[in-house]
Structure formats: C-alpha cells, structure tokens
Amino acid sequence: MARIAAVSKNGIEVGIEHDWVKRIDKNLYEIRSRVSNNQQRGLYFHVDGPRYIIMHGFTKKREKTPPREIKHAKELRKEYFCNRKDK
C-alpha cells in the first residue's frame, strides 16, 4: 500500500524514475513492490482524472512480466471500457 500511496502522491513519471512503476503498454502499467525475495506486482490502467484501476496482482518469479499476465490485464481493461455506464 505504501508504494501505491507514493505513486499516487508523486505521479507515474516519478514512479518510473524510481523503478516503482513500469509502463507495459499504452495505458497499462505495472506497480512494483519487493519484500525480501518476493516481488509483488500489480497491473493497472488509467480511467480518468486521478482515477486508476488495479486489476490484479501476482508474485513475479522471473525478470520479465509473464505474457499471460499482460494478456489477462489487457482483457480486463478492454472489458472495463466496453461495460462503462458513462460512455
């Protein structure tokens, strides 16, 4: 939660500079946290204004973000925007 608060306060660009955030794709980001040897990741996207949605999290075991996690996040993002009531 502290990492989310830091990115919220300082912005994505500062998060990228500090390696807290990685841009995966257009409007798809990975927030990073590490506790001991466990690398926790959360994939999220921008909705509007100051609002972002963290779709899901996972424990990262390799250097690269698993393609299945990226695919799943893109599907969730697409579903969200297709089902928005305020289109």
C-alpha atoms as a PDB file:
ATOM      1  CA  MET A   1       0.000   0.000   0.000  1.00  0.00           C
ATOM      2  CA  ALA A   2       2.889   2.376   0.679  1.00  0.00           C
ATOM      3  CA  ARG A   3       4.095   2.079  -2.911  1.00  0.00           C
ATOM      4  CA  ILE A   4       0.607   2.844  -4.239  1.00  0.00           C
ATOM      5  CA  ALA A   5       0.426   5.904  -1.991  1.00  0.00           C
ATOM      6  CA  ALA A   6       3.860   7.087  -3.163  1.00  0.00           C
ATOM      7  CA  VAL A   7       2.913   6.783  -6.833  1.00  0.00           C
ATOM      8  CA  SER A   8      -0.429   8.456  -6.165  1.00  0.00           C
ATOM      9  CA  LYS A   9       1.278  11.375  -4.429  1.00  0.00           C
ATOM     10  CA  ASN A  10       4.225  11.802  -6.827  1.00  0.00           C
ATOM     11  CA  GLY A  11       2.816  10.643 -10.179  1.00  0.00           C
ATOM     12  CA  ILE A  12       3.590   7.888 -12.646  1.00  0.00           C
ATOM     13  CA  GLU A  13       6.622   9.604 -14.186  1.00  0.00           C
ATOM     14  CA  VAL A  14       8.310   9.861 -10.769  1.00  0.00           C
ATOM     15  CA  GLY A  15       7.330   6.238 -10.142  1.00  0.00           C
ATOM     16  CA  ILE A  16       9.016   5.225 -13.391  1.00  0.00           C
ATOM     17  CA  GLU A  17      12.166   7.196 -12.478  1.00  0.00           C
ATOM     18  CA  HIS A  18      12.343   5.404  -9.104  1.00  0.00           C
ATOM     19  CA  ASP A  19      11.591   1.989 -10.659  1.00  0.00           C
ATOM     20  CA  TRP A  20       8.318   1.730  -8.712  1.00  0.00           C
ATOM     21  CA  VAL A  21       6.322   1.626 -11.944  1.00  0.00           C
ATOM     22  CA  LYS A  22       6.948   0.104 -15.348  1.00  0.00           C
ATOM     23  CA  ARG A  23       4.967   1.100 -18.432  1.00  0.00           C
ATOM     24  CA  ILE A  24       3.886  -2.167 -20.075  1.00  0.00           C
ATOM     25  CA  ASP A  25       1.787  -0.776 -22.926  1.00  0.00           C
ATOM     26  CA  LYS A  26      -0.299   2.264 -23.755  1.00  0.00           C
ATOM     27  CA  ASN A  27      -2.391   2.845 -20.607  1.00  0.00           C
ATOM     28  CA  LEU A  28      -1.146  -0.321 -18.908  1.00  0.00           C
ATOM     29  CA  TYR A  29       1.301  -0.141 -16.018  1.00  0.00           C
ATOM     30  CA  GLU A  30       2.932  -2.472 -13.525  1.00  0.00           C
ATOM     31  CA  ILE A  31       3.413  -1.262  -9.954  1.00  0.00           C
ATOM     32  CA  ARG A  32       6.282  -2.993  -8.187  1.00  0.00           C
ATOM     33  CA  SER A  33       6.911  -3.963  -4.598  1.00  0.00           C
ATOM     34  CA  ARG A  34       9.529  -6.198  -3.069  1.00  0.00           C
ATOM     35  CA  VAL A  35       9.544  -7.805   0.354  1.00  0.00           C
ATOM     36  CA  SER A  36      12.635  -9.908   0.934  1.00  0.00           C
ATOM     37  CA  ASN A  37      12.920 -12.159  -2.151  1.00  0.00           C
ATOM     38  CA  ASN A  38       9.235 -11.840  -3.081  1.00  0.00           C
ATOM     39  CA  GLN A  39       8.487  -9.500  -5.967  1.00  0.00           C
ATOM     40  CA  GLN A  40       4.835  -8.468  -5.877  1.00  0.00           C
ATOM     41  CA  ARG A  41       3.339  -6.833  -8.952  1.00  0.00           C
ATOM     42  CA  GLY A  42       0.019  -5.215  -9.716  1.00  0.00           C
ATOM     43  CA  LEU A  43      -1.184  -4.347 -13.210  1.00  0.00           C
ATOM     44  CA  TYR A  44      -3.312  -1.248 -13.566  1.00  0.00           C
ATOM     45  CA  PHE A  45      -4.643   1.328 -16.014  1.00  0.00           C
ATOM     46  CA  HIS A  46      -5.824   4.936 -16.042  1.00  0.00           C
ATOM     47  CA  VAL A  47      -9.584   5.582 -16.093  1.00  0.00           C
ATOM     48  CA  ASP A  48      -9.947   9.372 -15.971  1.00  0.00           C
ATOM     49  CA  GLY A  49      -8.740  12.302 -13.905  1.00  0.00           C
ATOM     50  CA  PRO A  50      -6.876  10.955 -10.878  1.00  0.00           C
ATOM     51  CA  ARG A  51      -8.557   7.510 -11.079  1.00  0.00           C
ATOM     52  CA  TYR A  52      -6.708   4.282 -11.801  1.00  0.00           C
ATOM     53  CA  ILE A  53      -7.849   0.686 -11.506  1.00  0.00           C
ATOM     54  CA  ILE A  54      -5.536  -2.029 -10.218  1.00  0.00           C
ATOM     55  CA  MET A  55      -6.833  -5.135 -11.950  1.00  0.00           C
ATOM     56  CA  HIS A  56      -4.922  -7.895 -10.271  1.00  0.00           C
ATOM     57  CA  GLY A  57      -1.672  -8.736  -8.577  1.00  0.00           C
ATOM     58  CA  PHE A  58       0.758 -11.601  -8.760  1.00  0.00           C
ATOM     59  CA  THR A  59       4.123 -12.768  -7.470  1.00  0.00           C
ATOM     60  CA  LYS A  60       6.764 -12.315 -10.108  1.00  0.00           C
ATOM     61  CA  LYS A  61       9.246 -15.166 -10.393  1.00  0.00           C
ATOM     62  CA  ARG A  62      11.236 -14.122 -13.466  1.00  0.00           C
ATOM     63  CA  GLU A  63      12.765 -10.899 -14.761  1.00  0.00           C
ATOM     64  CA  LYS A  64      10.098 -10.294 -17.421  1.00  0.00           C
ATOM     65  CA  THR A  65       6.404  -9.855 -16.738  1.00  0.00           C
ATOM     66  CA  PRO A  66       4.699 -13.099 -17.807  1.00  0.00           C
ATOM     67  CA  PRO A  67       2.889 -12.653 -21.153  1.00  0.00           C
ATOM     68  CA  ARG A  68      -0.220 -14.390 -19.774  1.00  0.00           C
ATOM     69  CA  GLU A  69      -0.470 -11.735 -17.031  1.00  0.00           C
ATOM     70  CA  ILE A  70      -0.230  -8.941 -19.610  1.00  0.00           C
ATOM     71  CA  LYS A  71      -2.824 -10.629 -21.824  1.00  0.00           C
ATOM     72  CA  HIS A  72      -5.177 -11.082 -18.871  1.00  0.00           C
ATOM     73  CA  ALA A  73      -4.758  -7.428 -17.850  1.00  0.00           C
ATOM     74  CA  LYS A  74      -5.482  -6.219 -21.398  1.00  0.00           C
ATOM     75  CA  GLU A  75      -8.646  -8.343 -21.484  1.00  0.00           C
ATOM     76  CA  LEU A  76      -9.827  -6.920 -18.147  1.00  0.00           C
ATOM     77  CA  ARG A  77      -9.077  -3.360 -19.289  1.00  0.00           C
ATOM     78  CA  LYS A  78     -10.995  -3.886 -22.530  1.00  0.00           C
ATOM     79  CA  GLU A  79     -13.939  -5.401 -20.638  1.00  0.00           C
ATOM     80  CA  TYR A  80     -13.993  -2.443 -18.247  1.00  0.00           C
ATOM     81  CA  PHE A  81     -14.117   0.161 -21.013  1.00  0.00           C
ATOM     82  CA  CYS A  82     -16.721  -1.823 -23.005  1.00  0.00           C
ATOM     83  CA  ASN A  83     -19.011  -2.032 -19.953  1.00  0.00           C
ATOM     84  CA  ARG A  84     -18.678   1.542 -18.644  1.00  0.00           C
ATOM     85  CA  LYS A  85     -22.014   3.213 -17.982  1.00  0.00           C
ATOM     86  CA  ASP A  86     -20.716   6.763 -18.571  1.00  0.00           C
ATOM     87  CA  LYS A  87     -19.584   6.320 -22.197  1.00  0.00           C
END
